[in-house]
Amino acid sequence: MPSGCNLHLGVLTSPNYPSAYHNNVNQTWILCGTTSVNACLRFTNFYLESSYDYFKLLNQQNVVVSRYTGTSSPPDLSSTTHIKLRFTSDEIVTYSGFRAEICSKPSKTSCWLLAIVIFKLCFRYVPCPLQPILREY
């Protein structure tokens, strides 16, 4: 996990992971943070066709901010705003794709206090308002 006080919230994978992803994939997700909690991604596996298949980060104007390809995992990602994530593949070669852990990290609040609040909310089966949200776009 990225450094700090983190809560593991789930996993984001390329389609069909750990088997090979399909040709001509164009998949977009939005990871939403809040002003008090950073949305974080940490890649544990990353294997794309170099120079043809990409994992991209886009800003709110849909401009590509970063793009990653090949076998070098992207750095840990963290944001208090919306992060648009896009995975694209071409029409020929496919590999196993990627796997990333989704976590939340308090940006301004005490870790212990926030962890206790989230623990109480989550284990009462009430939606956790402080968690980042992952939506398919």
Protein backbone atom coordinates (compact mmCIF):
# COMPACT_ATOMS: atom_id res chain seq x y z
CA MET A 1 0.00 0.00 0.00
CA PRO A 2 1.10 3.61 -0.42
CA SER A 3 2.62 4.94 2.79
CA GLY A 4 0.41 6.29 5.56
CA CYS A 5 -2.75 5.04 7.23
CA ASN A 6 -4.60 3.07 4.55
CA LEU A 7 -7.77 1.06 4.26
CA HIS A 8 -7.89 -1.62 1.57
CA LEU A 9 -11.13 -1.25 -0.39
CA GLY A 10 -10.88 -3.56 -3.36
CA VAL A 11 -9.09 -4.43 -6.56
CA LEU A 12 -9.12 -3.02 -10.09
CA THR A 13 -8.10 -5.36 -12.91
CA SER A 14 -7.98 -5.32 -16.66
CA PRO A 15 -10.82 -7.26 -18.29
CA ASN A 16 -10.35 -11.05 -18.05
CA TYR A 17 -7.38 -10.76 -15.63
CA PRO A 18 -5.33 -12.90 -14.88
CA SER A 19 -5.99 -14.40 -18.31
CA ALA A 20 -5.16 -12.37 -21.37
CA TYR A 21 -7.31 -9.31 -21.99
CA HIS A 22 -9.18 -9.11 -25.28
CA ASN A 23 -8.28 -7.23 -28.45
CA ASN A 24 -9.72 -3.75 -29.03
CA VAL A 25 -10.53 -3.02 -25.39
CA ASN A 26 -11.47 0.55 -24.53
CA GLN A 27 -12.44 0.49 -20.85
CA THR A 28 -12.78 3.57 -18.62
CA TRP A 29 -13.22 3.85 -14.85
CA ILE A 30 -13.53 6.86 -12.56
CA LEU A 31 -11.96 6.69 -9.11
CA CYS A 32 -13.43 9.36 -6.84
CA GLY A 33 -11.64 10.79 -3.83
CA THR A 34 -12.90 13.43 -1.39
CA THR A 35 -11.37 16.49 0.23
CA SER A 36 -10.61 14.50 3.38
CA VAL A 37 -9.66 11.12 1.88
CA ASN A 38 -7.26 10.37 -0.96
CA ALA A 39 -8.20 7.66 -3.44
CA CYS A 40 -5.12 5.48 -3.96
CA LEU A 41 -4.08 2.82 -6.49
CA ARG A 42 -1.10 0.51 -6.08
CA PHE A 43 -0.26 -1.81 -8.97
CA THR A 44 0.71 -5.34 -7.99
CA ASN A 45 0.92 -6.74 -11.56
CA PHE A 46 1.36 -4.94 -14.87
CA TYR A 47 1.95 -6.68 -18.21
CA LEU A 48 0.77 -4.92 -21.37
CA GLU A 49 1.92 -5.12 -24.98
CA SER A 50 4.62 -2.44 -25.12
CA SER A 51 3.85 0.61 -27.29
CA TYR A 52 0.42 -0.71 -28.38
CA ASP A 53 -1.69 -1.31 -25.25
CA TYR A 54 -1.96 1.45 -22.63
CA PHE A 55 -3.18 2.31 -19.17
CA LYS A 56 -3.88 6.06 -19.14
CA LEU A 57 -4.72 8.71 -16.55
CA LEU A 58 -6.92 11.54 -17.78
CA ASN A 59 -7.83 14.86 -16.21
CA GLN A 60 -11.36 16.28 -16.01
CA GLN A 61 -11.01 17.71 -19.53
CA ASN A 62 -10.22 14.17 -20.86
CA VAL A 63 -6.62 15.12 -21.62
CA VAL A 64 -4.13 12.28 -21.07
CA VAL A 65 -1.91 13.22 -18.12
CA SER A 66 0.11 9.98 -18.00
CA ARG A 67 0.21 6.73 -19.92
CA TYR A 68 1.88 3.43 -19.15
CA THR A 69 2.69 0.43 -21.31
CA GLY A 70 4.94 -2.65 -21.21
CA THR A 71 5.92 -4.37 -17.99
CA SER A 72 6.99 -1.53 -15.67
CA SER A 73 4.26 -0.88 -13.14
CA PRO A 74 3.00 2.69 -12.81
CA PRO A 75 3.92 4.45 -9.55
CA ASP A 76 1.42 4.49 -6.69
CA LEU A 77 -1.35 6.93 -7.58
CA SER A 78 -3.19 9.13 -5.11
CA SER A 79 -5.71 11.97 -5.52
CA THR A 80 -8.44 13.81 -3.64
CA THR A 81 -10.27 14.52 -6.90
CA HIS A 82 -11.71 12.30 -9.61
CA ILE A 83 -9.16 10.23 -11.52
CA LYS A 84 -10.28 8.94 -14.89
CA LEU A 85 -8.53 5.67 -15.76
CA ARG A 86 -8.58 4.23 -19.27
CA PHE A 87 -7.27 0.91 -20.57
CA THR A 88 -6.93 0.40 -24.32
CA SER A 89 -5.60 -2.49 -26.37
CA ASP A 90 -4.97 -2.86 -30.09
CA GLU A 91 -6.24 -5.59 -32.41
CA ILE A 92 -3.38 -8.10 -32.35
CA VAL A 93 -1.34 -9.16 -29.27
CA THR A 94 -2.69 -9.47 -25.70
CA TYR A 95 -1.12 -10.24 -22.33
CA SER A 96 -2.35 -10.75 -18.76
CA GLY A 97 -2.96 -7.04 -18.15
CA PHE A 98 -2.91 -5.40 -14.74
CA ARG A 99 -4.07 -5.66 -11.16
CA ALA A 100 -4.18 -2.69 -8.77
CA GLU A 101 -5.27 -2.43 -5.15
CA ILE A 102 -7.69 0.37 -4.30
CA CYS A 103 -7.23 2.03 -0.93
CA SER A 104 -8.11 5.20 0.90
CA LYS A 105 -5.68 7.37 2.80
CA PRO A 106 -6.73 10.26 5.03
CA SER A 107 -5.37 13.52 3.70
CA LYS A 108 -5.96 15.81 6.68
CA THR A 109 -7.66 13.81 9.44
CA SER A 110 -6.09 11.74 12.19
CA CYS A 111 -5.60 8.16 10.99
CA TRP A 112 -6.84 6.55 14.16
CA LEU A 113 -9.98 8.64 14.46
CA LEU A 114 -10.87 8.14 10.81
CA ALA A 115 -10.19 4.38 10.99
CA ILE A 116 -12.53 4.04 13.98
CA VAL A 117 -15.31 6.01 12.25
CA ILE A 118 -15.01 4.03 9.02
CA PHE A 119 -14.82 0.72 10.93
CA LYS A 120 -18.06 1.53 12.76
CA LEU A 121 -19.84 2.65 9.59
CA CYS A 122 -18.69 -0.23 7.42
CA PHE A 123 -19.36 -3.01 9.85
CA ARG A 124 -22.90 -1.80 10.43
CA TYR A 125 -23.46 -2.31 6.69
CA VAL A 126 -23.92 1.42 6.18
CA PRO A 127 -22.20 2.83 3.09
CA CYS A 128 -18.91 4.44 4.04
CA PRO A 129 -19.02 8.11 3.02
CA LEU A 130 -15.26 8.49 3.40
CA GLN A 131 -14.28 5.77 0.94
CA PRO A 132 -13.24 6.49 -2.61
CA ILE A 133 -15.72 5.24 -5.15
CA LEU A 134 -14.85 3.30 -8.29
CA ARG A 135 -17.32 3.58 -11.14
CA GLU A 136 -17.23 2.09 -14.59
CA TYR A 137 -17.63 4.90 -17.11
